C-alpha atoms as a PDB file:
ATOM      1  CA  MET A   1     254.547  58.364  12.689  1.00  0.00           C
ATOM      2  CA  GLU A   2     256.068  58.125  16.189  1.00  0.00           C
ATOM      3  CA  GLY A   3     259.521  57.702  14.668  1.00  0.00           C
ATOM      4  CA  GLU A   4     259.003  60.835  12.579  1.00  0.00           C
ATOM      5  CA  ARG A   5     258.055  62.886  15.664  1.00  0.00           C
ATOM      6  CA  LEU A   6     261.102  61.711  17.594  1.00  0.00           C
ATOM      7  CA  LYS A   7     263.287  62.471  14.610  1.00  0.00           C
ATOM      8  CA  ALA A   8     261.821  65.944  14.302  1.00  0.00           C
ATOM      9  CA  LYS A   9     262.257  66.966  17.961  1.00  0.00           C
ATOM     10  CA  PRO A  10     266.036  67.564  17.864  1.00  0.00           C
ATOM     11  CA  THR A  11     265.539  70.087  15.019  1.00  0.00           C
ATOM     12  CA  TYR A  12     263.339  72.325  17.190  1.00  0.00           C
ATOM     13  CA  PRO A  13     266.217  74.272  18.804  1.00  0.00           C
ATOM     14  CA  GLU A  14     267.652  74.822  15.335  1.00  0.00           C
ATOM     15  CA  ALA A  15     264.344  76.253  14.126  1.00  0.00           C
ATOM     16  CA  VAL A  16     264.311  78.683  17.068  1.00  0.00           C
ATOM     17  CA  ARG A  17     267.928  79.609  16.400  1.00  0.00           C
ATOM     18  CA  GLN A  18     267.146  80.434  12.781  1.00  0.00           C
ATOM     19  CA  MET A  19     264.204  82.589  13.861  1.00  0.00           C
ATOM     20  CA  VAL A  20     266.393  84.535  16.304  1.00  0.00           C
ATOM     21  CA  ALA A  21     269.160  84.884  13.704  1.00  0.00           C
ATOM     22  CA  ASN A  22     266.681  86.369  11.219  1.00  0.00           C
ATOM     23  CA  MET A  23     265.446  88.885  13.792  1.00  0.00           C
ATOM     24  CA  ILE A  24     269.022  89.921  14.586  1.00  0.00           C
ATOM     25  CA  MET A  25     269.728  90.431  10.885  1.00  0.00           C
ATOM     26  CA  ASN A  26     266.580  92.557  10.566  1.00  0.00           C
ATOM     27  CA  PHE A  27     267.696  94.584  13.582  1.00  0.00           C
ATOM     28  CA  GLU A  28     270.427  96.065  11.413  1.00  0.00           C
ATOM     29  CA  VAL A  29     267.805  98.338   9.894  1.00  0.00           C
ATOM     30  CA  GLU A  30     266.788  99.665  13.316  1.00  0.00           C
ATOM     31  CA  LEU A  31     270.415 100.400  14.194  1.00  0.00           C
ATOM     32  CA  ARG A  32     270.589 102.857  11.323  1.00  0.00           C
ATOM     33  CA  SER A  33     267.624 104.837  12.634  1.00  0.00           C
ATOM     34  CA  GLY A  34     268.047 107.667  15.094  1.00  0.00           C
ATOM     35  CA  GLU A  35     265.133 106.781  17.386  1.00  0.00           C
ATOM     36  CA  LEU A  36     265.855 104.895  20.625  1.00  0.00           C
ATOM     37  CA  ARG A  37     262.457 103.340  21.308  1.00  0.00           C
ATOM     38  CA  PRO A  38     262.124 101.477  17.979  1.00  0.00           C
ATOM     39  CA  LYS A  39     265.508  99.856  18.711  1.00  0.00           C
ATOM     40  CA  VAL A  40     264.328  98.734  22.149  1.00  0.00           C
ATOM     41  CA  LEU A  41     261.003  97.432  20.825  1.00  0.00           C
ATOM     42  CA  ALA A  42     262.799  95.501  18.081  1.00  0.00           C
ATOM     43  CA  LEU A  43     265.044  93.840  20.700  1.00  0.00           C
ATOM     44  CA  VAL A  44     262.107  92.594  22.823  1.00  0.00           C
ATOM     45  CA  PRO A  45     261.190  89.653  20.529  1.00  0.00           C
ATOM     46  CA  ILE A  46     264.902  88.849  20.183  1.00  0.00           C
ATOM     47  CA  PHE A  47     265.205  88.512  23.968  1.00  0.00           C
ATOM     48  CA  GLN A  48     262.065  86.380  24.002  1.00  0.00           C
ATOM     49  CA  GLY A  49     263.446  84.248  21.191  1.00  0.00           C
ATOM     50  CA  LEU A  50     266.713  83.689  23.075  1.00  0.00           C
ATOM     51  CA  ARG A  51     264.682  82.642  26.115  1.00  0.00           C
ATOM     52  CA  ASP A  52     262.747  80.163  23.973  1.00  0.00           C
ATOM     53  CA  LEU A  53     266.005  78.846  22.547  1.00  0.00           C
ATOM     54  CA  GLY A  54     267.337  78.150  26.051  1.00  0.00           C
ATOM     55  CA  LYS A  55     264.108  76.350  26.982  1.00  0.00           C
ATOM     56  CA  ALA A  56     264.221  74.307  23.763  1.00  0.00           C
ATOM     57  CA  LEU A  57     267.617  72.832  24.656  1.00  0.00           C
ATOM     58  CA  ILE A  58     265.836  70.428  27.042  1.00  0.00           C
ATOM     59  CA  PRO A  59     263.079  68.490  25.228  1.00  0.00           C
ATOM     60  CA  ALA A  60     259.618  68.902  26.735  1.00  0.00           C
ATOM     61  CA  GLN A  61     259.198  65.155  27.247  1.00  0.00           C
ATOM     62  CA  TYR A  62     262.021  65.331  29.832  1.00  0.00           C
ATOM     63  CA  ALA A  63     261.087  68.619  31.510  1.00  0.00           C
ATOM     64  CA  SER A  64     258.271  70.935  30.513  1.00  0.00           C
ATOM     65  CA  ALA A  65     258.201  73.453  33.402  1.00  0.00           C
ATOM     66  CA  ALA A  66     260.967  75.832  34.497  1.00  0.00           C
ATOM     67  CA  ARG A  67     261.532  74.010  37.808  1.00  0.00           C
ATOM     68  CA  ASP A  68     261.758  70.670  36.016  1.00  0.00           C
ATOM     69  CA  ARG A  69     264.272  72.025  33.524  1.00  0.00           C
ATOM     70  CA  ILE A  70     266.463  73.362  36.341  1.00  0.00           C
ATOM     71  CA  LEU A  71     266.410  69.974  38.076  1.00  0.00           C
ATOM     72  CA  TYR A  72     267.069  68.130  34.817  1.00  0.00           C
ATOM     73  CA  TYR A  73     270.098  70.323  34.169  1.00  0.00           C
ATOM     74  CA  PHE A  74     271.519  69.765  37.665  1.00  0.00           C
ATOM     75  CA  ARG A  75     271.014  66.002  37.403  1.00  0.00           C
ATOM     76  CA  GLN A  76     273.021  65.953  34.193  1.00  0.00           C
ATOM     77  CA  TYR A  77     275.979  67.448  36.078  1.00  0.00           C
ATOM     78  CA  PRO A  78     275.921  66.338  39.744  1.00  0.00           C
ATOM     79  CA  GLY A  79     278.849  67.673  41.743  1.00  0.00           C
ATOM     80  CA  THR A  80     279.560  70.354  39.121  1.00  0.00           C
ATOM     81  CA  ILE A  81     279.433  74.008  40.146  1.00  0.00           C
ATOM     82  CA  ILE A  82     276.715  75.683  38.066  1.00  0.00           C
ATOM     83  CA  ASN A  83     276.511  79.439  37.511  1.00  0.00           C
ATOM     84  CA  GLY A  84     273.178  81.174  37.977  1.00  0.00           C
ATOM     85  CA  ASP A  85     273.303  82.468  34.391  1.00  0.00           C
ATOM     86  CA  GLU A  86     273.154  78.863  33.176  1.00  0.00           C
ATOM     87  CA  LEU A  87     269.955  78.330  35.167  1.00  0.00           C
ATOM     88  CA  LEU A  88     268.544  81.542  33.710  1.00  0.00           C
ATOM     89  CA  VAL A  89     269.099  80.112  30.231  1.00  0.00           C
ATOM     90  CA  VAL A  90     267.632  76.629  30.767  1.00  0.00           C
ATOM     91  CA  SER A  91     264.715  77.784  32.928  1.00  0.00           C
ATOM     92  CA  GLY A  92     263.662  80.526  30.533  1.00  0.00           C
ATOM     93  CA  ILE A  93     262.422  82.731  33.392  1.00  0.00           C
ATOM     94  CA  GLN A  94     263.861  85.655  35.350  1.00  0.00           C
ATOM     95  CA  GLU A  95     262.686  84.332  38.734  1.00  0.00           C
ATOM     96  CA  TYR A  96     264.593  81.051  38.462  1.00  0.00           C
ATOM     97  CA  ALA A  97     265.900  81.569  42.027  1.00  0.00           C
ATOM     98  CA  ARG A  98     262.394  80.991  43.419  1.00  0.00           C
ATOM     99  CA  ARG A  99     262.091  77.664  41.596  1.00  0.00           C
ATOM    100  CA  LEU A 100     265.554  76.745  42.796  1.00  0.00           C
ATOM    101  CA  ARG A 101     264.545  77.406  46.388  1.00  0.00           C
ATOM    102  CA  GLU A 102     261.487  75.181  45.975  1.00  0.00           C
ATOM    103  CA  LEU A 103     263.731  72.358  44.807  1.00  0.00           C
ATOM    104  CA  ARG A 104     266.019  72.820  47.806  1.00  0.00           C
ATOM    105  CA  VAL A 105     263.570  73.419  50.631  1.00  0.00           C
ATOM    106  CA  GLN A 106     260.232  71.914  49.623  1.00  0.00           C
ATOM    107  CA  PHE A 107     261.501  68.942  47.631  1.00  0.00           C
ATOM    108  CA  GLY A 108     264.748  68.241  49.472  1.00  0.00           C
ATOM    109  CA  TRP A 109     267.234  68.264  46.609  1.00  0.00           C
ATOM    110  CA  SER A 110     270.727  68.790  48.010  1.00  0.00           C
ATOM    111  CA  ILE A 111     271.545  71.912  46.011  1.00  0.00           C
ATOM    112  CA  LEU A 112     273.983  74.186  47.819  1.00  0.00           C
ATOM    113  CA  SER A 113     274.499  77.841  46.956  1.00  0.00           C
ATOM    114  CA  GLY A 114     277.653  79.902  47.355  1.00  0.00           C
ATOM    115  CA  VAL A 115     275.807  82.015  49.934  1.00  0.00           C
ATOM    116  CA  THR A 116     274.960  79.115  52.218  1.00  0.00           C
ATOM    117  CA  ILE A 117     278.405  77.578  51.709  1.00  0.00           C
ATOM    118  CA  LYS A 118     279.939  80.736  53.180  1.00  0.00           C
ATOM    119  CA  GLU A 119     277.570  80.578  56.160  1.00  0.00           C
ATOM    120  CA  MET A 120     278.265  76.868  56.721  1.00  0.00           C
ATOM    121  CA  CYS A 121     281.961  77.560  57.272  1.00  0.00           C
ATOM    122  CA  GLU A 122     281.048  78.519  60.845  1.00  0.00           C
ATOM    123  CA  VAL A 123     279.743  74.997  61.508  1.00  0.00           C
ATOM    124  CA  GLU A 124     281.857  72.518  59.556  1.00  0.00           C
ATOM    125  CA  GLU A 125     284.905  72.048  57.364  1.00  0.00           C
ATOM    126  CA  LEU A 126     284.158  72.020  53.640  1.00  0.00           C
ATOM    127  CA  PRO A 127     286.098  70.836  50.567  1.00  0.00           C
ATOM    128  CA  ASP A 128     288.233  73.485  48.885  1.00  0.00           C
ATOM    129  CA  GLN A 129     286.157  73.175  45.705  1.00  0.00           C
ATOM    130  CA  LEU A 130     283.052  74.327  47.575  1.00  0.00           C
ATOM    131  CA  MET A 131     284.890  77.009  49.527  1.00  0.00           C
ATOM    132  CA  SER A 132     285.728  78.786  46.257  1.00  0.00           C
ATOM    133  CA  MET A 133     282.077  79.074  45.170  1.00  0.00           C
ATOM    134  CA  ARG A 134     280.683  82.531  44.440  1.00  0.00           C
ATOM    135  CA  PRO A 135     277.281  83.751  45.703  1.00  0.00           C
ATOM    136  CA  ASN A 136     275.597  83.128  42.323  1.00  0.00           C
ATOM    137  CA  GLU A 137     276.906  79.567  41.961  1.00  0.00           C
ATOM    138  CA  TYR A 138     275.201  76.296  42.880  1.00  0.00           C
ATOM    139  CA  VAL A 139     276.027  72.595  43.102  1.00  0.00           C
ATOM    140  CA  LEU A 140     273.889  69.453  43.341  1.00  0.00           C
ATOM    141  CA  LEU A 141     275.639  67.107  45.781  1.00  0.00           C
ATOM    142  CA  SER A 142     273.305  64.108  45.485  1.00  0.00           C
ATOM    143  CA  ALA A 143     271.247  62.981  42.493  1.00  0.00           C
ATOM    144  CA  GLU A 144     268.785  61.192  44.810  1.00  0.00           C
ATOM    145  CA  GLU A 145     265.509  62.805  45.847  1.00  0.00           C
ATOM    146  CA  ASP A 146     264.755  63.145  49.569  1.00  0.00           C
ATOM    147  CA  ARG A 147     261.253  61.684  49.816  1.00  0.00           C
ATOM    148  CA  ASP A 148     260.691  62.943  53.391  1.00  0.00           C
ATOM    149  CA  ALA A 149     261.469  66.545  52.466  1.00  0.00           C
ATOM    150  CA  THR A 150     257.869  67.615  51.821  1.00  0.00           C
ATOM    151  CA  HIS A 151     256.777  66.535  55.304  1.00  0.00           C
ATOM    152  CA  ARG A 152     259.760  68.271  56.897  1.00  0.00           C
ATOM    153  CA  TRP A 153     259.025  71.429  54.934  1.00  0.00           C
ATOM    154  CA  ASN A 154     255.508  71.573  56.383  1.00  0.00           C
ATOM    155  CA  VAL A 155     256.988  71.276  59.893  1.00  0.00           C
ATOM    156  CA  ALA A 156     259.626  73.917  59.073  1.00  0.00           C
ATOM    157  CA  ASN A 157     256.991  76.266  57.704  1.00  0.00           C
ATOM    158  CA  THR A 158     254.990  76.017  60.942  1.00  0.00           C
ATOM    159  CA  ILE A 159     258.002  76.616  63.220  1.00  0.00           C
ATOM    160  CA  ARG A 160     259.266  79.483  61.072  1.00  0.00           C
ATOM    161  CA  LYS A 161     256.029  81.423  61.720  1.00  0.00           C
ATOM    162  CA  GLU A 162     256.135  80.970  65.504  1.00  0.00           C
ATOM    163  CA  ARG A 163     257.430  83.535  67.975  1.00  0.00           C
ATOM    164  CA  GLY A 164     260.835  82.979  69.487  1.00  0.00           C
ATOM    165  CA  SER A 165     264.550  83.323  68.849  1.00  0.00           C
ATOM    166  CA  VAL A 166     266.360  81.866  65.867  1.00  0.00           C
ATOM    167  CA  ARG A 167     268.202  79.432  68.139  1.00  0.00           C
ATOM    168  CA  ASP A 168     264.985  78.202  69.759  1.00  0.00           C
ATOM    169  CA  LYS A 169     263.329  77.661  66.375  1.00  0.00           C
ATOM    170  CA  ILE A 170     266.309  75.717  65.031  1.00  0.00           C
ATOM    171  CA  LEU A 171     266.412  73.534  68.147  1.00  0.00           C
ATOM    172  CA  LYS A 172     262.680  72.867  67.936  1.00  0.00           C
ATOM    173  CA  TYR A 173     263.038  71.821  64.303  1.00  0.00           C
ATOM    174  CA  LEU A 174     265.996  69.546  65.051  1.00  0.00           C
ATOM    175  CA  ARG A 175     264.124  67.953  67.961  1.00  0.00           C
ATOM    176  CA  ALA A 176     261.195  67.315  65.619  1.00  0.00           C
ATOM    177  CA  ASN A 177     263.624  65.353  63.420  1.00  0.00           C
ATOM    178  CA  VAL A 178     265.780  63.463  65.937  1.00  0.00           C
ATOM    179  CA  GLY A 179     267.877  60.836  64.177  1.00  0.00           C
ATOM    180  CA  ARG A 180     267.063  62.224  60.723  1.00  0.00           C
ATOM    181  CA  GLY A 181     269.292  64.453  58.649  1.00  0.00           C
ATOM    182  CA  VAL A 182     268.064  67.916  57.719  1.00  0.00           C
ATOM    183  CA  THR A 183     269.716  70.269  55.243  1.00  0.00           C
ATOM    184  CA  ASN A 184     271.370  73.635  55.676  1.00  0.00           C
ATOM    185  CA  GLU A 185     268.630  75.144  53.517  1.00  0.00           C
ATOM    186  CA  GLU A 186     265.938  73.857  55.897  1.00  0.00           C
ATOM    187  CA  LEU A 187     267.700  75.362  58.902  1.00  0.00           C
ATOM    188  CA  ARG A 188     268.173  78.650  57.054  1.00  0.00           C
ATOM    189  CA  TYR A 189     264.477  78.646  56.162  1.00  0.00           C
ATOM    190  CA  VAL A 190     263.400  77.937  59.750  1.00  0.00           C
ATOM    191  CA  ALA A 191     265.647  80.830  60.836  1.00  0.00           C
ATOM    192  CA  GLY A 192     263.715  83.191  58.581  1.00  0.00           C
ATOM    193  CA  ASP A 193     266.627  83.364  56.113  1.00  0.00           C
ATOM    194  CA  LYS A 194     268.801  85.050  58.724  1.00  0.00           C
ATOM    195  CA  THR A 195     272.507  84.459  58.153  1.00  0.00           C
ATOM    196  CA  GLU A 196     273.022  83.776  61.867  1.00  0.00           C
ATOM    197  CA  TRP A 197     271.513  80.273  61.530  1.00  0.00           C
ATOM    198  CA  ALA A 198     274.949  78.634  61.261  1.00  0.00           C
ATOM    199  CA  ARG A 199     276.265  80.429  64.348  1.00  0.00           C
ATOM    200  CA  ARG A 200     273.208  79.325  66.332  1.00  0.00           C
ATOM    201  CA  VAL A 201     273.707  75.696  65.276  1.00  0.00           C
ATOM    202  CA  ARG A 202     277.303  75.846  66.492  1.00  0.00           C
ATOM    203  CA  GLU A 203     276.185  77.374  69.804  1.00  0.00           C
ATOM    204  CA  LEU A 204     273.609  74.638  70.321  1.00  0.00           C
ATOM    205  CA  ARG A 205     276.338  72.022  69.910  1.00  0.00           C
ATOM    206  CA  THR A 206     279.340  73.590  71.633  1.00  0.00           C
ATOM    207  CA  GLU A 207     277.720  75.743  74.322  1.00  0.00           C
ATOM    208  CA  HIS A 208     274.430  73.994  75.046  1.00  0.00           C
ATOM    209  CA  GLY A 209     275.565  70.401  74.536  1.00  0.00           C
ATOM    210  CA  TRP A 210     273.050  69.228  71.934  1.00  0.00           C
ATOM    211  CA  PRO A 211     274.557  66.344  69.900  1.00  0.00           C
ATOM    212  CA  ILE A 212     274.242  67.943  66.462  1.00  0.00           C
ATOM    213  CA  ALA A 213     276.493  66.075  64.064  1.00  0.00           C
ATOM    214  CA  THR A 214     277.773  66.895  60.587  1.00  0.00           C
ATOM    215  CA  LYS A 215     280.046  65.091  58.160  1.00  0.00           C
ATOM    216  CA  THR A 216     283.122  66.542  59.879  1.00  0.00           C
ATOM    217  CA  THR A 217     281.903  66.501  63.498  1.00  0.00           C
ATOM    218  CA  GLY A 218     281.226  62.854  64.219  1.00  0.00           C
ATOM    219  CA  ARG A 219     279.206  61.478  61.300  1.00  0.00           C
ATOM    220  CA  PRO A 220     281.331  60.956  58.170  1.00  0.00           C
ATOM    221  CA  ASP A 221     278.396  59.070  56.649  1.00  0.00           C
ATOM    222  CA  LEU A 222     276.351  62.275  56.383  1.00  0.00           C
ATOM    223  CA  GLY A 223     276.415  64.378  53.241  1.00  0.00           C
ATOM    224  CA  VAL A 224     277.909  67.859  53.078  1.00  0.00           C
ATOM    225  CA  GLY A 225     275.354  70.365  54.338  1.00  0.00           C
ATOM    226  CA  VAL A 226     273.380  67.770  56.328  1.00  0.00           C
ATOM    227  CA  TYR A 227     272.839  68.167  60.087  1.00  0.00           C
ATOM    228  CA  MET A 228     271.510  65.579  62.510  1.00  0.00           C
ATOM    229  CA  LEU A 229     270.407  65.829  66.122  1.00  0.00           C
ATOM    230  CA  GLN A 230     271.494  62.342  67.160  1.00  0.00           C
ATOM    231  CA  SER A 231     269.436  62.103  70.352  1.00  0.00           C
ATOM    232  CA  ASP A 232     267.144  64.342  72.360  1.00  0.00           C
ATOM    233  CA  ARG A 233     269.506  64.937  75.258  1.00  0.00           C
ATOM    234  CA  GLN A 234     272.198  67.436  76.191  1.00  0.00           C
ATOM    235  CA  SER A 235     275.706  66.400  77.130  1.00  0.00           C
ATOM    236  CA  PRO A 236     277.078  67.189  80.617  1.00  0.00           C
ATOM    237  CA  LYS A 237     278.271  70.772  81.033  1.00  0.00           C
ATOM    238  CA  HIS A 238     281.932  69.798  81.399  1.00  0.00           C
ATOM    239  CA  ASP A 239     281.835  68.088  77.969  1.00  0.00           C
ATOM    240  CA  ARG A 240     280.455  71.088  76.107  1.00  0.00           C
ATOM    241  CA  SER A 241     283.622  73.129  75.729  1.00  0.00           C
ATOM    242  CA  ILE A 242     285.590  70.538  73.731  1.00  0.00           C
ATOM    243  CA  PRO A 243     286.775  72.250  70.503  1.00  0.00           C
ATOM    244  CA  ASP A 244     285.410  70.777  67.282  1.00  0.00           C
ATOM    245  CA  ASP A 245     288.874  70.038  65.884  1.00  0.00           C
ATOM    246  CA  PHE A 246     289.712  68.033  69.025  1.00  0.00           C
ATOM    247  CA  ARG A 247     286.391  66.207  68.717  1.00  0.00           C
ATOM    248  CA  ARG A 248     287.113  65.258  65.103  1.00  0.00           C
ATOM    249  CA  GLU A 249     290.632  64.042  65.833  1.00  0.00           C
ATOM    250  CA  VAL A 250     289.576  61.877  68.780  1.00  0.00           C
ATOM    251  CA  LEU A 251     286.692  60.298  66.868  1.00  0.00           C
ATOM    252  CA  ARG A 252     289.007  59.536  63.949  1.00  0.00           C
ATOM    253  CA  ARG A 253     291.558  58.030  66.332  1.00  0.00           C
ATOM    254  CA  TYR A 254     288.950  55.574  67.569  1.00  0.00           C
ATOM    255  CA  GLY A 255     287.622  54.885  64.064  1.00  0.00           C
ATOM    256  CA  TYR A 256     284.246  56.429  64.929  1.00  0.00           C
ATOM    257  CA  LYS A 257     283.585  53.509  67.290  1.00  0.00           C
ATOM    258  CA  CYS A 258     282.964  53.199  71.013  1.00  0.00           C
ATOM    259  CA  GLU A 259     286.229  52.349  72.749  1.00  0.00           C
ATOM    260  CA  SER A 260     284.394  50.184  75.274  1.00  0.00           C
ATOM    261  CA  CYS A 261     281.857  48.109  73.306  1.00  0.00           C
ATOM    262  CA  GLY A 262     282.806  48.797  69.687  1.00  0.00           C
ATOM    263  CA  TRP A 263     279.413  50.297  68.751  1.00  0.00           C
ATOM    264  CA  SER A 264     279.366  52.528  65.658  1.00  0.00           C
ATOM    265  CA  HIS A 265     276.708  54.508  63.830  1.00  0.00           C
ATOM    266  CA  ASP A 266     276.468  51.708  61.264  1.00  0.00           C
ATOM    267  CA  GLU A 267     274.461  49.854  63.933  1.00  0.00           C
ATOM    268  CA  TRP A 268     272.057  52.728  64.627  1.00  0.00           C
ATOM    269  CA  ASN A 269     268.359  51.943  64.610  1.00  0.00           C
ATOM    270  CA  PRO A 270     265.252  53.614  66.106  1.00  0.00           C
ATOM    271  CA  SER A 271     265.113  51.106  68.972  1.00  0.00           C
ATOM    272  CA  ASP A 272     268.756  51.787  69.897  1.00  0.00           C
ATOM    273  CA  PRO A 273     269.248  55.529  69.227  1.00  0.00           C
ATOM    274  CA  ARG A 274     272.644  55.906  70.895  1.00  0.00           C
ATOM    275  CA  HIS A 275     275.425  58.093  69.514  1.00  0.00           C
ATOM    276  CA  LEU A 276     279.119  58.715  70.160  1.00  0.00           C
ATOM    277  CA  GLU A 277     280.324  61.159  72.810  1.00  0.00           C
ATOM    278  CA  LEU A 278     283.738  62.093  74.172  1.00  0.00           C
ATOM    279  CA  HIS A 279     284.665  60.989  77.683  1.00  0.00           C
ATOM    280  CA  HIS A 280     287.437  62.314  79.936  1.00  0.00           C
ATOM    281  CA  ILE A 281     289.892  59.539  80.798  1.00  0.00           C
ATOM    282  CA  THR A 282     290.952  61.469  83.889  1.00  0.00           C
ATOM    283  CA  HIS A 283     287.538  62.650  85.009  1.00  0.00           C
ATOM    284  CA  HIS A 284     286.782  66.323  84.926  1.00  0.00           C
ATOM    285  CA  VAL A 285     286.037  66.395  88.662  1.00  0.00           C
ATOM    286  CA  ASN A 286     289.543  65.030  89.260  1.00  0.00           C
ATOM    287  CA  GLY A 287     291.230  67.747  87.236  1.00  0.00           C
ATOM    288  CA  GLY A 288     291.007  66.159  83.792  1.00  0.00           C
ATOM    289  CA  THR A 289     291.212  68.699  80.987  1.00  0.00           C
ATOM    290  CA  ASN A 290     289.895  68.920  77.429  1.00  0.00           C
ATOM    291  CA  VAL A 291     293.173  67.912  75.790  1.00  0.00           C
ATOM    292  CA  LYS A 292     293.076  65.268  73.051  1.00  0.00           C
ATOM    293  CA  GLU A 293     295.176  62.821  75.073  1.00  0.00           C
ATOM    294  CA  ASN A 294     292.586  62.870  77.876  1.00  0.00           C
ATOM    295  CA  LEU A 295     289.607  62.115  75.644  1.00  0.00           C
ATOM    296  CA  LYS A 296     288.197  58.906  74.243  1.00  0.00           C
ATOM    297  CA  ALA A 297     285.126  57.967  72.227  1.00  0.00           C
ATOM    298  CA  LEU A 298     282.246  56.221  73.993  1.00  0.00           C
ATOM    299  CA  CYS A 299     278.676  55.515  72.970  1.00  0.00           C
ATOM    300  CA  THR A 300     276.027  57.130  75.172  1.00  0.00           C
ATOM    301  CA  VAL A 301     275.266  53.803  76.894  1.00  0.00           C
ATOM    302  CA  CYS A 302     278.897  53.193  77.900  1.00  0.00           C
ATOM    303  CA  HIS A 303     279.387  56.875  78.727  1.00  0.00           C
ATOM    304  CA  ASP A 304     276.479  56.808  81.158  1.00  0.00           C
ATOM    305  CA  LYS A 305     277.840  53.593  82.681  1.00  0.00           C
ATOM    306  CA  GLU A 306     281.249  55.196  83.237  1.00  0.00           C
ATOM    307  CA  HIS A 307     279.685  58.122  85.099  1.00  0.00           C
ATOM    308  CA  ARG A 308     277.509  55.849  87.222  1.00  0.00           C
ATOM    309  CA  GLU A 309     280.645  54.028  88.359  1.00  0.00           C
ATOM    310  CA  GLU A 310     282.537  57.197  89.294  1.00  0.00           C
END
């Protein structure tokens, strides 16, 4: 009996297709009539049948709800740019965007949209494939679920409702997650969906000296669209105006390791939460400038030691 049920399941989409095909054939009669409303009313069950056909493409034992079907579809094609119309088909609902947001923000799936990709360009360099995405396109970057996302969402939801500027809310959220990566969607949510979130993140790093790292600004181990406040301290004022492209080049030159002790982020742990900073070889007080040749990579422990010995 079980074998018969499993054998019958793949024929379900075909049964729906035949039903829709019959309705379309019957619609020919309505086309010959002069009345508009009967044509529209005859198309309603056809639209509903097409929706059911899209839902039937993913068997219910794999995904029964719209949100589950969207996730199932993404997980079949990780790293592939998916058009919103595809999600409309497999979800079977008009408001698929709401379910998609739940997957991104509440459940932590790393699904990037063309809209947020455009905003992220202010903060980090992105692959050309992502840069070409349109607003109604999406991509799942990692097929692994973020199990801490639900807790972070509760924190984000609380901060989002508080009074204060977008920059202050983003900083508060990052400080609540020191040493843990958060996604672009979380920061956008905390910012009240304001597009300025990316600009405020950049300001916090380059103007206010908060060590916010991304894949291209000091932490190549992070995923695209992931941001991490590496420690709860600001860098000295004279180190805050180093351009991001200089920062990347210097860190790459030193292999993302401390020039003095050899520490790298591979050794990070909660009891030793240091991170890499850039240090002026000719000290700033002695006229040293922010040119690449005058910068080297040091961990925070060695950086502090250098300044104590000045």
